[in-house]
PDB file of N, CA and C in Angstrom:
ATOM      1  N   UNK A   1      -6.054  14.019  60.169  1.00  0.00           N
ATOM      2  CA  UNK A   1      -7.294  12.791  60.321  1.00  0.00           C
ATOM      3  C   UNK A   1      -7.610  11.418  59.820  1.00  0.00           C
ATOM      4  N   UNK A   2      -7.279  10.308  61.260  1.00  0.00           N
ATOM      5  CA  UNK A   2      -7.745   9.596  60.281  1.00  0.00           C
ATOM      6  C   UNK A   2      -8.588   8.645  60.009  1.00  0.00           C
ATOM      7  N   UNK A   3      -8.603   7.682  58.954  1.00  0.00           N
ATOM      8  CA  UNK A   3      -9.916   6.738  58.836  1.00  0.00           C
ATOM      9  C   UNK A   3     -10.290   5.934  59.324  1.00  0.00           C
ATOM     10  N   UNK A   4      -9.473   5.424  59.765  1.00  0.00           N
ATOM     11  CA  UNK A   4      -9.460   4.145  61.107  1.00  0.00           C
ATOM     12  C   UNK A   4      -9.050   4.798  62.189  1.00  0.00           C
ATOM     13  N   UNK A   5     -10.025   4.123  63.553  1.00  0.00           N
ATOM     14  CA  UNK A   5      -9.721   5.426  65.189  1.00  0.00           C
ATOM     15  C   UNK A   5      -9.311   3.265  65.913  1.00  0.00           C
ATOM     16  N   UNK A   6      -8.769   3.561  66.909  1.00  0.00           N
ATOM     17  CA  UNK A   6      -9.318   3.012  67.951  1.00  0.00           C
ATOM     18  C   UNK A   6     -10.488   2.536  68.161  1.00  0.00           C
ATOM     19  N   UNK A   7     -10.867   1.153  68.372  1.00  0.00           N
ATOM     20  CA  UNK A   7     -12.360   1.281  68.741  1.00  0.00           C
ATOM     21  C   UNK A   7     -13.188   1.027  68.042  1.00  0.00           C
ATOM     22  N   UNK A   8     -12.814   1.387  66.258  1.00  0.00           N
ATOM     23  CA  UNK A   8     -13.872   1.409  65.151  1.00  0.00           C
ATOM     24  C   UNK A   8     -13.931  -0.294  64.812  1.00  0.00           C
ATOM     25  N   UNK A   9     -15.423  -0.551  64.344  1.00  0.00           N
ATOM     26  CA  UNK A   9     -15.823  -2.006  64.027  1.00  0.00           C
ATOM     27  C   UNK A   9     -14.821  -1.764  62.659  1.00  0.00           C
ATOM     28  N   UNK A  10     -14.120  -3.217  62.405  1.00  0.00           N
ATOM     29  CA  UNK A  10     -13.429  -3.306  60.444  1.00  0.00           C
ATOM     30  C   UNK A  10     -13.575  -4.697  60.242  1.00  0.00           C
ATOM     31  N   UNK A  11     -13.912  -4.968  58.854  1.00  0.00           N
ATOM     32  CA  UNK A  11     -13.268  -5.836  58.734  1.00  0.00           C
ATOM     33  C   UNK A  11     -12.427  -6.505  57.601  1.00  0.00           C
ATOM     34  N   UNK A  12     -11.850  -8.069  57.693  1.00  0.00           N
ATOM     35  CA  UNK A  12     -10.265  -7.876  57.150  1.00  0.00           C
ATOM     36  C   UNK A  12     -11.260  -8.270  55.784  1.00  0.00           C
ATOM     37  N   UNK A  13     -10.614  -7.533  54.648  1.00  0.00           N
ATOM     38  CA  UNK A  13     -10.855  -8.060  53.193  1.00  0.00           C
ATOM     39  C   UNK A  13      -9.518  -8.825  52.763  1.00  0.00           C
ATOM     40  N   UNK A  14      -8.529  -8.761  52.887  1.00  0.00           N
ATOM     41  CA  UNK A  14      -7.439  -9.933  52.291  1.00  0.00           C
ATOM     42  C   UNK A  14      -6.500 -10.722  53.394  1.00  0.00           C
ATOM     43  N   UNK A  15      -5.897 -11.581  53.232  1.00  0.00           N
ATOM     44  CA  UNK A  15      -5.159 -12.461  53.711  1.00  0.00           C
ATOM     45  C   UNK A  15      -6.024 -13.547  54.422  1.00  0.00           C
ATOM     46  N   UNK A  16      -5.227 -14.140  55.259  1.00  0.00           N
ATOM     47  CA  UNK A  16      -5.854 -15.612  55.801  1.00  0.00           C
ATOM     48  C   UNK A  16      -7.117 -15.673  57.004  1.00  0.00           C
ATOM     49  N   UNK A  17      -7.471 -14.186  57.103  1.00  0.00           N
ATOM     50  CA  UNK A  17      -8.536 -13.845  58.123  1.00  0.00           C
ATOM     51  C   UNK A  17      -9.326 -13.177  57.570  1.00  0.00           C
ATOM     52  N   UNK A  18      -9.271 -13.216  56.108  1.00  0.00           N
ATOM     53  CA  UNK A  18     -10.408 -12.445  55.346  1.00  0.00           C
ATOM     54  C   UNK A  18     -12.089 -13.316  55.466  1.00  0.00           C
ATOM     55  N   UNK A  19     -12.864 -11.896  56.127  1.00  0.00           N
ATOM     56  CA  UNK A  19     -13.904 -12.559  56.329  1.00  0.00           C
ATOM     57  C   UNK A  19     -14.564 -11.674  57.926  1.00  0.00           C
ATOM     58  N   UNK A  20     -13.562 -12.101  58.865  1.00  0.00           N
ATOM     59  CA  UNK A  20     -13.478 -12.015  60.385  1.00  0.00           C
ATOM     60  C   UNK A  20     -13.554 -10.414  60.165  1.00  0.00           C
ATOM     61  N   UNK A  21     -14.324 -10.003  61.598  1.00  0.00           N
ATOM     62  CA  UNK A  21     -14.383  -8.471  62.444  1.00  0.00           C
ATOM     63  C   UNK A  21     -13.645  -8.720  63.304  1.00  0.00           C
ATOM     64  N   UNK A  22     -13.592  -7.387  63.517  1.00  0.00           N
ATOM     65  CA  UNK A  22     -13.405  -7.066  64.913  1.00  0.00           C
ATOM     66  C   UNK A  22     -12.719  -5.626  65.582  1.00  0.00           C
ATOM     67  N   UNK A  23     -12.316  -5.623  66.903  1.00  0.00           N
ATOM     68  CA  UNK A  23     -12.423  -3.992  66.823  1.00  0.00           C
ATOM     69  C   UNK A  23     -10.888  -3.920  67.069  1.00  0.00           C
ATOM     70  N   UNK A  24     -10.544  -2.410  66.261  1.00  0.00           N
ATOM     71  CA  UNK A  24      -9.260  -1.810  66.087  1.00  0.00           C
ATOM     72  C   UNK A  24      -8.829  -1.555  67.877  1.00  0.00           C
ATOM     73  N   UNK A  25      -7.200  -2.296  67.957  1.00  0.00           N
ATOM     74  CA  UNK A  25      -7.048  -2.236  69.734  1.00  0.00           C
ATOM     75  C   UNK A  25      -6.187  -1.200  69.603  1.00  0.00           C
ATOM     76  N   UNK A  26      -5.351  -0.968  68.433  1.00  0.00           N
ATOM     77  CA  UNK A  26      -4.175  -0.352  68.409  1.00  0.00           C
ATOM     78  C   UNK A  26      -4.279   0.426  67.015  1.00  0.00           C
ATOM     79  N   UNK A  27      -3.782   1.608  66.931  1.00  0.00           N
ATOM     80  CA  UNK A  27      -3.653   1.881  65.194  1.00  0.00           C
ATOM     81  C   UNK A  27      -2.206   2.758  65.236  1.00  0.00           C
ATOM     82  N   UNK A  28      -1.416   2.255  63.976  1.00  0.00           N
ATOM     83  CA  UNK A  28       0.314   2.594  64.087  1.00  0.00           C
ATOM     84  C   UNK A  28       0.291   3.685  62.577  1.00  0.00           C
ATOM     85  N   UNK A  29       0.177   4.739  62.663  1.00  0.00           N
ATOM     86  CA  UNK A  29       0.261   5.539  61.386  1.00  0.00           C
ATOM     87  C   UNK A  29       1.026   5.765  60.899  1.00  0.00           C
ATOM     88  N   UNK A  30       2.109   5.634  61.206  1.00  0.00           N
ATOM     89  CA  UNK A  30       3.510   5.919  60.953  1.00  0.00           C
ATOM     90  C   UNK A  30       4.149   4.509  60.062  1.00  0.00           C
ATOM     91  N   UNK A  31       3.396   3.353  60.597  1.00  0.00           N
ATOM     92  CA  UNK A  31       3.738   1.996  59.260  1.00  0.00           C
ATOM     93  C   UNK A  31       2.534   1.871  58.520  1.00  0.00           C
ATOM     94  N   UNK A  32       1.327   2.217  58.684  1.00  0.00           N
ATOM     95  CA  UNK A  32       0.003   2.332  57.948  1.00  0.00           C
ATOM     96  C   UNK A  32      -0.244   0.630  58.511  1.00  0.00           C
ATOM     97  N   UNK A  33      -0.499   0.629  59.675  1.00  0.00           N
ATOM     98  CA  UNK A  33      -1.166  -0.592  59.963  1.00  0.00           C
ATOM     99  C   UNK A  33      -1.598  -0.656  61.507  1.00  0.00           C
ATOM    100  N   UNK A  34      -2.468  -1.829  61.939  1.00  0.00           N
ATOM    101  CA  UNK A  34      -3.231  -1.350  62.981  1.00  0.00           C
ATOM    102  C   UNK A  34      -3.240  -3.109  64.020  1.00  0.00           C
ATOM    103  N   UNK A  35      -3.729  -3.302  64.497  1.00  0.00           N
ATOM    104  CA  UNK A  35      -3.898  -4.377  65.392  1.00  0.00           C
ATOM    105  C   UNK A  35      -5.590  -4.724  65.652  1.00  0.00           C
ATOM    106  N   UNK A  36      -6.043  -5.650  64.905  1.00  0.00           N
ATOM    107  CA  UNK A  36      -7.457  -5.766  65.501  1.00  0.00           C
ATOM    108  C   UNK A  36      -7.512  -7.245  66.374  1.00  0.00           C
ATOM    109  N   UNK A  37      -8.874  -6.757  67.486  1.00  0.00           N
ATOM    110  CA  UNK A  37      -8.876  -8.267  68.197  1.00  0.00           C
ATOM    111  C   UNK A  37      -9.158  -9.608  67.215  1.00  0.00           C
ATOM    112  N   UNK A  38      -8.455 -10.180  67.693  1.00  0.00           N
ATOM    113  CA  UNK A  38      -8.769 -11.790  67.530  1.00  0.00           C
ATOM    114  C   UNK A  38      -8.530 -12.040  65.788  1.00  0.00           C
ATOM    115  N   UNK A  39      -7.874 -11.245  65.236  1.00  0.00           N
ATOM    116  CA  UNK A  39      -7.539 -11.316  63.290  1.00  0.00           C
ATOM    117  C   UNK A  39      -6.028 -11.452  64.085  1.00  0.00           C
ATOM    118  N   UNK A  40      -5.459 -11.916  62.742  1.00  0.00           N
ATOM    119  CA  UNK A  40      -3.915 -12.561  62.741  1.00  0.00           C
ATOM    120  C   UNK A  40      -3.028 -13.234  64.180  1.00  0.00           C
ATOM    121  N   UNK A  41      -3.485 -13.840  64.398  1.00  0.00           N
ATOM    122  CA  UNK A  41      -3.307 -14.192  65.749  1.00  0.00           C
ATOM    123  C   UNK A  41      -1.949 -15.089  65.310  1.00  0.00           C
ATOM    124  N   UNK A  42      -0.907 -14.901  66.814  1.00  0.00           N
ATOM    125  CA  UNK A  42       0.679 -15.497  66.037  1.00  0.00           C
ATOM    126  C   UNK A  42       1.095 -16.124  67.345  1.00  0.00           C
ATOM    127  N   UNK A  43       2.012 -16.575  67.716  1.00  0.00           N
ATOM    128  CA  UNK A  43       1.897 -17.577  68.812  1.00  0.00           C
ATOM    129  C   UNK A  43       3.478 -17.018  69.449  1.00  0.00           C
ATOM    130  N   UNK A  44       4.152 -17.156  69.934  1.00  0.00           N
ATOM    131  CA  UNK A  44       5.050 -15.927  70.616  1.00  0.00           C
ATOM    132  C   UNK A  44       5.700 -17.107  71.639  1.00  0.00           C
ATOM    133  N   UNK A  45       7.048 -17.510  71.972  1.00  0.00           N
ATOM    134  CA  UNK A  45       8.109 -18.480  72.606  1.00  0.00           C
ATOM    135  C   UNK A  45       8.137 -17.403  73.461  1.00  0.00           C
ATOM    136  N   UNK A  46       7.622 -17.414  74.562  1.00  0.00           N
ATOM    137  CA  UNK A  46       8.170 -16.428  75.694  1.00  0.00           C
ATOM    138  C   UNK A  46       9.287 -16.694  76.773  1.00  0.00           C
ATOM    139  N   UNK A  47      10.388 -16.384  77.478  1.00  0.00           N
ATOM    140  CA  UNK A  47      10.636 -16.892  78.769  1.00  0.00           C
ATOM    141  C   UNK A  47      10.266 -15.834  79.875  1.00  0.00           C
ATOM    142  N   UNK A  48      10.431 -17.313  81.018  1.00  0.00           N
ATOM    143  CA  UNK A  48       9.557 -17.043  82.097  1.00  0.00           C
ATOM    144  C   UNK A  48      10.547 -15.580  82.856  1.00  0.00           C
ATOM    145  N   UNK A  49       9.803 -14.157  82.944  1.00  0.00           N
ATOM    146  CA  UNK A  49      10.608 -13.624  84.108  1.00  0.00           C
ATOM    147  C   UNK A  49       9.942 -13.587  85.166  1.00  0.00           C
ATOM    148  N   UNK A  50      10.653 -12.127  86.491  1.00  0.00           N
ATOM    149  CA  UNK A  50       9.892 -11.988  87.080  1.00  0.00           C
ATOM    150  C   UNK A  50       8.378 -11.947  87.703  1.00  0.00           C
ATOM    151  N   UNK A  51       8.039 -11.367  86.377  1.00  0.00           N
ATOM    152  CA  UNK A  51       6.489 -11.115  86.842  1.00  0.00           C
ATOM    153  C   UNK A  51       6.025 -11.828  85.690  1.00  0.00           C
ATOM    154  N   UNK A  52       6.243 -12.482  85.246  1.00  0.00           N
ATOM    155  CA  UNK A  52       5.297 -13.590  84.075  1.00  0.00           C
ATOM    156  C   UNK A  52       6.028 -14.523  83.718  1.00  0.00           C
ATOM    157  N   UNK A  53       4.646 -15.470  84.019  1.00  0.00           N
ATOM    158  CA  UNK A  53       5.407 -17.061  82.936  1.00  0.00           C
ATOM    159  C   UNK A  53       5.554 -17.367  82.252  1.00  0.00           C
ATOM    160  N   UNK A  54       6.603 -18.307  81.388  1.00  0.00           N
ATOM    161  CA  UNK A  54       6.627 -18.422  80.490  1.00  0.00           C
ATOM    162  C   UNK A  54       5.922 -19.169  79.823  1.00  0.00           C
ATOM    163  N   UNK A  55       6.203 -19.326  78.764  1.00  0.00           N
ATOM    164  CA  UNK A  55       5.228 -20.507  77.456  1.00  0.00           C
ATOM    165  C   UNK A  55       5.051 -19.744  76.366  1.00  0.00           C
ATOM    166  N   UNK A  56       3.864 -20.532  75.727  1.00  0.00           N
ATOM    167  CA  UNK A  56       3.438 -20.208  74.176  1.00  0.00           C
ATOM    168  C   UNK A  56       1.897 -19.267  74.435  1.00  0.00           C
ATOM    169  N   UNK A  57       2.815 -18.295  74.087  1.00  0.00           N
ATOM    170  CA  UNK A  57       1.596 -16.648  73.911  1.00  0.00           C
ATOM    171  C   UNK A  57       1.054 -16.412  72.465  1.00  0.00           C
ATOM    172  N   UNK A  58      -0.418 -16.492  73.166  1.00  0.00           N
ATOM    173  CA  UNK A  58      -1.190 -16.522  71.380  1.00  0.00           C
ATOM    174  C   UNK A  58      -1.290 -14.327  71.701  1.00  0.00           C
ATOM    175  N   UNK A  59      -1.297 -13.988  70.400  1.00  0.00           N
ATOM    176  CA  UNK A  59      -1.470 -12.622  70.183  1.00  0.00           C
ATOM    177  C   UNK A  59      -1.601 -12.668  69.128  1.00  0.00           C
ATOM    178  N   UNK A  60      -2.526 -10.932  68.856  1.00  0.00           N
ATOM    179  CA  UNK A  60      -2.413  -9.964  67.722  1.00  0.00           C
ATOM    180  C   UNK A  60      -1.422  -9.701  67.457  1.00  0.00           C
ATOM    181  N   UNK A  61      -0.829 -10.038  65.817  1.00  0.00           N
ATOM    182  CA  UNK A  61       0.038  -9.397  65.020  1.00  0.00           C
ATOM    183  C   UNK A  61      -0.469  -8.134  64.181  1.00  0.00           C
ATOM    184  N   UNK A  62      -0.165  -7.491  64.095  1.00  0.00           N
ATOM    185  CA  UNK A  62      -0.370  -6.051  63.039  1.00  0.00           C
ATOM    186  C   UNK A  62      -0.567  -6.596  61.451  1.00  0.00           C
ATOM    187  N   UNK A  63      -1.646  -5.896  61.001  1.00  0.00           N
ATOM    188  CA  UNK A  63      -2.426  -5.909  59.169  1.00  0.00           C
ATOM    189  C   UNK A  63      -2.054  -4.632  59.473  1.00  0.00           C
ATOM    190  N   UNK A  64      -1.968  -4.544  57.611  1.00  0.00           N
ATOM    191  CA  UNK A  64      -2.045  -3.445  56.960  1.00  0.00           C
ATOM    192  C   UNK A  64      -3.374  -2.694  57.015  1.00  0.00           C
ATOM    193  N   UNK A  65      -3.094  -1.549  56.544  1.00  0.00           N
ATOM    194  CA  UNK A  65      -4.590  -0.659  56.864  1.00  0.00           C
ATOM    195  C   UNK A  65      -5.202  -0.991  55.501  1.00  0.00           C
ATOM    196  N   UNK A  66      -4.772  -1.205  54.806  1.00  0.00           N
ATOM    197  CA  UNK A  66      -5.274  -1.500  52.924  1.00  0.00           C
ATOM    198  C   UNK A  66      -6.436  -2.776  53.200  1.00  0.00           C
ATOM    199  N   UNK A  67      -5.840  -3.602  54.084  1.00  0.00           N
ATOM    200  CA  UNK A  67      -6.151  -5.272  53.960  1.00  0.00           C
ATOM    201  C   UNK A  67      -7.517  -5.310  54.772  1.00  0.00           C
ATOM    202  N   UNK A  68      -8.207  -4.307  55.622  1.00  0.00           N
ATOM    203  CA  UNK A  68      -9.298  -3.529  56.364  1.00  0.00           C
ATOM    204  C   UNK A  68     -10.180  -2.744  56.058  1.00  0.00           C
ATOM    205  N   UNK A  69     -11.809  -2.626  56.446  1.00  0.00           N
ATOM    206  CA  UNK A  69     -12.713  -1.822  56.235  1.00  0.00           C
ATOM    207  C   UNK A  69     -13.365  -1.408  56.623  1.00  0.00           C
ATOM    208  N   UNK A  70     -13.966  -0.423  57.170  1.00  0.00           N
ATOM    209  CA  UNK A  70     -14.823  -0.265  58.001  1.00  0.00           C
ATOM    210  C   UNK A  70     -16.571  -0.535  57.984  1.00  0.00           C
ATOM    211  N   UNK A  71     -16.840  -0.873  58.867  1.00  0.00           N
ATOM    212  CA  UNK A  71     -18.208  -1.742  59.269  1.00  0.00           C
ATOM    213  C   UNK A  71     -18.957  -0.151  58.788  1.00  0.00           C
ATOM    214  N   UNK A  72     -20.062  -0.733  58.128  1.00  0.00           N
ATOM    215  CA  UNK A  72     -20.889   0.147  58.266  1.00  0.00           C
ATOM    216  C   UNK A  72     -22.350  -0.070  58.971  1.00  0.00           C
ATOM    217  N   UNK A  73     -22.640   1.041  59.833  1.00  0.00           N
ATOM    218  CA  UNK A  73     -23.341   1.454  60.876  1.00  0.00           C
ATOM    219  C   UNK A  73     -24.661   0.923  60.748  1.00  0.00           C
ATOM    220  N   UNK A  74     -25.070   1.092  59.116  1.00  0.00           N
ATOM    221  CA  UNK A  74     -26.339   0.942  58.939  1.00  0.00           C
ATOM    222  C   UNK A  74     -26.578  -0.383  58.509  1.00  0.00           C
ATOM    223  N   UNK A  75     -25.899  -1.004  57.148  1.00  0.00           N
ATOM    224  CA  UNK A  75     -25.919  -2.027  56.370  1.00  0.00           C
ATOM    225  C   UNK A  75     -25.361  -3.339  56.852  1.00  0.00           C
ATOM    226  N   UNK A  76     -24.660  -2.973  57.892  1.00  0.00           N
ATOM    227  CA  UNK A  76     -23.181  -3.952  58.759  1.00  0.00           C
ATOM    228  C   UNK A  76     -22.528  -4.839  57.969  1.00  0.00           C
ATOM    229  N   UNK A  77     -21.893  -4.142  56.411  1.00  0.00           N
ATOM    230  CA  UNK A  77     -21.358  -4.275  55.442  1.00  0.00           C
ATOM    231  C   UNK A  77     -19.857  -3.761  55.635  1.00  0.00           C
ATOM    232  N   UNK A  78     -18.964  -3.748  54.804  1.00  0.00           N
ATOM    233  CA  UNK A  78     -17.684  -3.382  54.919  1.00  0.00           C
ATOM    234  C   UNK A  78     -18.156  -1.893  53.631  1.00  0.00           C
ATOM    235  N   UNK A  79     -17.386  -0.831  54.267  1.00  0.00           N
ATOM    236  CA  UNK A  79     -17.826   0.398  53.433  1.00  0.00           C
ATOM    237  C   UNK A  79     -16.288   1.524  53.693  1.00  0.00           C
ATOM    238  N   UNK A  80     -16.143   2.504  52.505  1.00  0.00           N
ATOM    239  CA  UNK A  80     -15.332   3.117  52.438  1.00  0.00           C
ATOM    240  C   UNK A  80     -15.592   4.561  53.428  1.00  0.00           C
ATOM    241  N   UNK A  81     -14.415   5.509  53.638  1.00  0.00           N
ATOM    242  CA  UNK A  81     -14.811   6.241  55.001  1.00  0.00           C
ATOM    243  C   UNK A  81     -14.594   7.523  53.835  1.00  0.00           C
ATOM    244  N   UNK A  82     -15.412   8.738  54.145  1.00  0.00           N
ATOM    245  CA  UNK A  82     -15.605   9.694  53.532  1.00  0.00           C
ATOM    246  C   UNK A  82     -15.321  11.199  54.311  1.00  0.00           C
ATOM    247  N   UNK A  83     -14.936  12.166  54.410  1.00  0.00           N
ATOM    248  CA  UNK A  83     -15.298  13.314  55.912  1.00  0.00           C
ATOM    249  C   UNK A  83     -16.353  14.345  55.155  1.00  0.00           C
ATOM    250  N   UNK A  84     -16.895  14.900  56.084  1.00  0.00           N
ATOM    251  CA  UNK A  84     -18.249  15.773  56.087  1.00  0.00           C
ATOM    252  C   UNK A  84     -17.831  16.751  57.317  1.00  0.00           C
ATOM    253  N   UNK A  85     -18.174  18.163  56.631  1.00  0.00           N
ATOM    254  CA  UNK A  85     -18.213  19.449  57.776  1.00  0.00           C
ATOM    255  C   UNK A  85     -19.715  20.006  58.150  1.00  0.00           C
ATOM    256  N   UNK A  86     -20.030  19.416  59.139  1.00  0.00           N
ATOM    257  CA  UNK A  86     -21.190  19.935  59.860  1.00  0.00           C
ATOM    258  C   UNK A  86     -21.137  21.368  59.502  1.00  0.00           C
ATOM    259  N   UNK A  87     -22.475  21.544  60.764  1.00  0.00           N
ATOM    260  CA  UNK A  87     -23.413  23.006  60.465  1.00  0.00           C
ATOM    261  C   UNK A  87     -22.219  23.566  61.482  1.00  0.00           C
ATOM    262  N   UNK A  88     -21.929  23.388  62.899  1.00  0.00           N
ATOM    263  CA  UNK A  88     -21.164  23.230  63.810  1.00  0.00           C
ATOM    264  C   UNK A  88     -19.757  23.636  63.593  1.00  0.00           C
ATOM    265  N   UNK A  89     -19.208  23.403  62.383  1.00  0.00           N
ATOM    266  CA  UNK A  89     -17.665  23.212  62.042  1.00  0.00           C
ATOM    267  C   UNK A  89     -17.112  21.834  62.159  1.00  0.00           C
ATOM    268  N   UNK A  90     -17.467  20.844  63.038  1.00  0.00           N
ATOM    269  CA  UNK A  90     -16.663  19.589  63.296  1.00  0.00           C
ATOM    270  C   UNK A  90     -16.331  19.180  62.022  1.00  0.00           C
ATOM    271  N   UNK A  91     -15.565  18.068  61.976  1.00  0.00           N
ATOM    272  CA  UNK A  91     -14.973  17.276  60.637  1.00  0.00           C
ATOM    273  C   UNK A  91     -15.473  16.251  61.246  1.00  0.00           C
ATOM    274  N   UNK A  92     -16.467  15.435  60.669  1.00  0.00           N
ATOM    275  CA  UNK A  92     -16.237  13.949  60.624  1.00  0.00           C
ATOM    276  C   UNK A  92     -16.396  13.129  59.823  1.00  0.00           C
ATOM    277  N   UNK A  93     -16.177  11.983  60.073  1.00  0.00           N
ATOM    278  CA  UNK A  93     -16.162  10.803  59.007  1.00  0.00           C
ATOM    279  C   UNK A  93     -17.529  10.495  59.054  1.00  0.00           C
ATOM    280  N   UNK A  94     -18.155   9.523  57.511  1.00  0.00           N
ATOM    281  CA  UNK A  94     -19.112   9.498  57.221  1.00  0.00           C
ATOM    282  C   UNK A  94     -18.907   8.088  56.148  1.00  0.00           C
ATOM    283  N   UNK A  95     -19.629   6.921  56.705  1.00  0.00           N
ATOM    284  CA  UNK A  95     -19.820   6.029  55.367  1.00  0.00           C
ATOM    285  C   UNK A  95     -20.568   6.372  54.159  1.00  0.00           C
ATOM    286  N   UNK A  96     -19.281   6.021  53.278  1.00  0.00           N
ATOM    287  CA  UNK A  96     -19.608   6.528  51.652  1.00  0.00           C
ATOM    288  C   UNK A  96     -20.914   5.866  51.584  1.00  0.00           C
ATOM    289  N   UNK A  97     -21.424   4.082  51.755  1.00  0.00           N
ATOM    290  CA  UNK A  97     -22.542   3.443  51.319  1.00  0.00           C
ATOM    291  C   UNK A  97     -23.523   4.060  51.622  1.00  0.00           C
ATOM    292  N   UNK A  98     -24.039   4.415  53.178  1.00  0.00           N
ATOM    293  CA  UNK A  98     -25.098   4.930  53.493  1.00  0.00           C
ATOM    294  C   UNK A  98     -25.440   6.675  54.140  1.00  0.00           C
ATOM    295  N   UNK A  99     -24.095   7.071  54.362  1.00  0.00           N
ATOM    296  CA  UNK A  99     -24.173   8.631  54.284  1.00  0.00           C
ATOM    297  C   UNK A  99     -24.421   8.373  56.023  1.00  0.00           C
ATOM    298  N   UNK A 100     -23.836   8.061  56.644  1.00  0.00           N
ATOM    299  CA  UNK A 100     -24.346   7.973  58.394  1.00  0.00           C
ATOM    300  C   UNK A 100     -23.238   8.252  58.454  1.00  0.00           C
ATOM    301  N   UNK A 101     -23.290   8.798  59.578  1.00  0.00           N
ATOM    302  CA  UNK A 101     -21.781   9.435  60.345  1.00  0.00           C
ATOM    303  C   UNK A 101     -21.148   8.450  61.139  1.00  0.00           C
ATOM    304  N   UNK A 102     -20.134   8.410  61.166  1.00  0.00           N
ATOM    305  CA  UNK A 102     -19.396   7.164  62.264  1.00  0.00           C
ATOM    306  C   UNK A 102     -19.229   7.711  63.579  1.00  0.00           C
ATOM    307  N   UNK A 103     -18.720   9.067  63.607  1.00  0.00           N
ATOM    308  CA  UNK A 103     -17.769   9.570  64.640  1.00  0.00           C
ATOM    309  C   UNK A 103     -19.262   9.531  65.549  1.00  0.00           C
ATOM    310  N   UNK A 104     -19.166   9.695  67.057  1.00  0.00           N
ATOM    311  CA  UNK A 104     -19.958   9.657  68.049  1.00  0.00           C
ATOM    312  C   UNK A 104     -20.596  11.235  68.150  1.00  0.00           C
TER     313      UNK A 104
END
């Protein structure tokens, strides 16, 4: 089970985008990297193709998972993530600072 999943709200802890927040668009567990919306923007010079127009395209690059932290749903601050098993047997993610469950 992963600590960070697609759709989670995260805060950037290190790097040139430190302090920014965004939603996780893609998780790459084999590389320990994630793509966060509006964070680590890079410019790509693309050739025109039959379908897409060429030019300079700005898009998100991946960021290492150690440089982001989950945002606590209660305090709205970065927090660590733990796991807890509920009475019905489900294993859910919980915010360490508030104890609030993160999973829906």
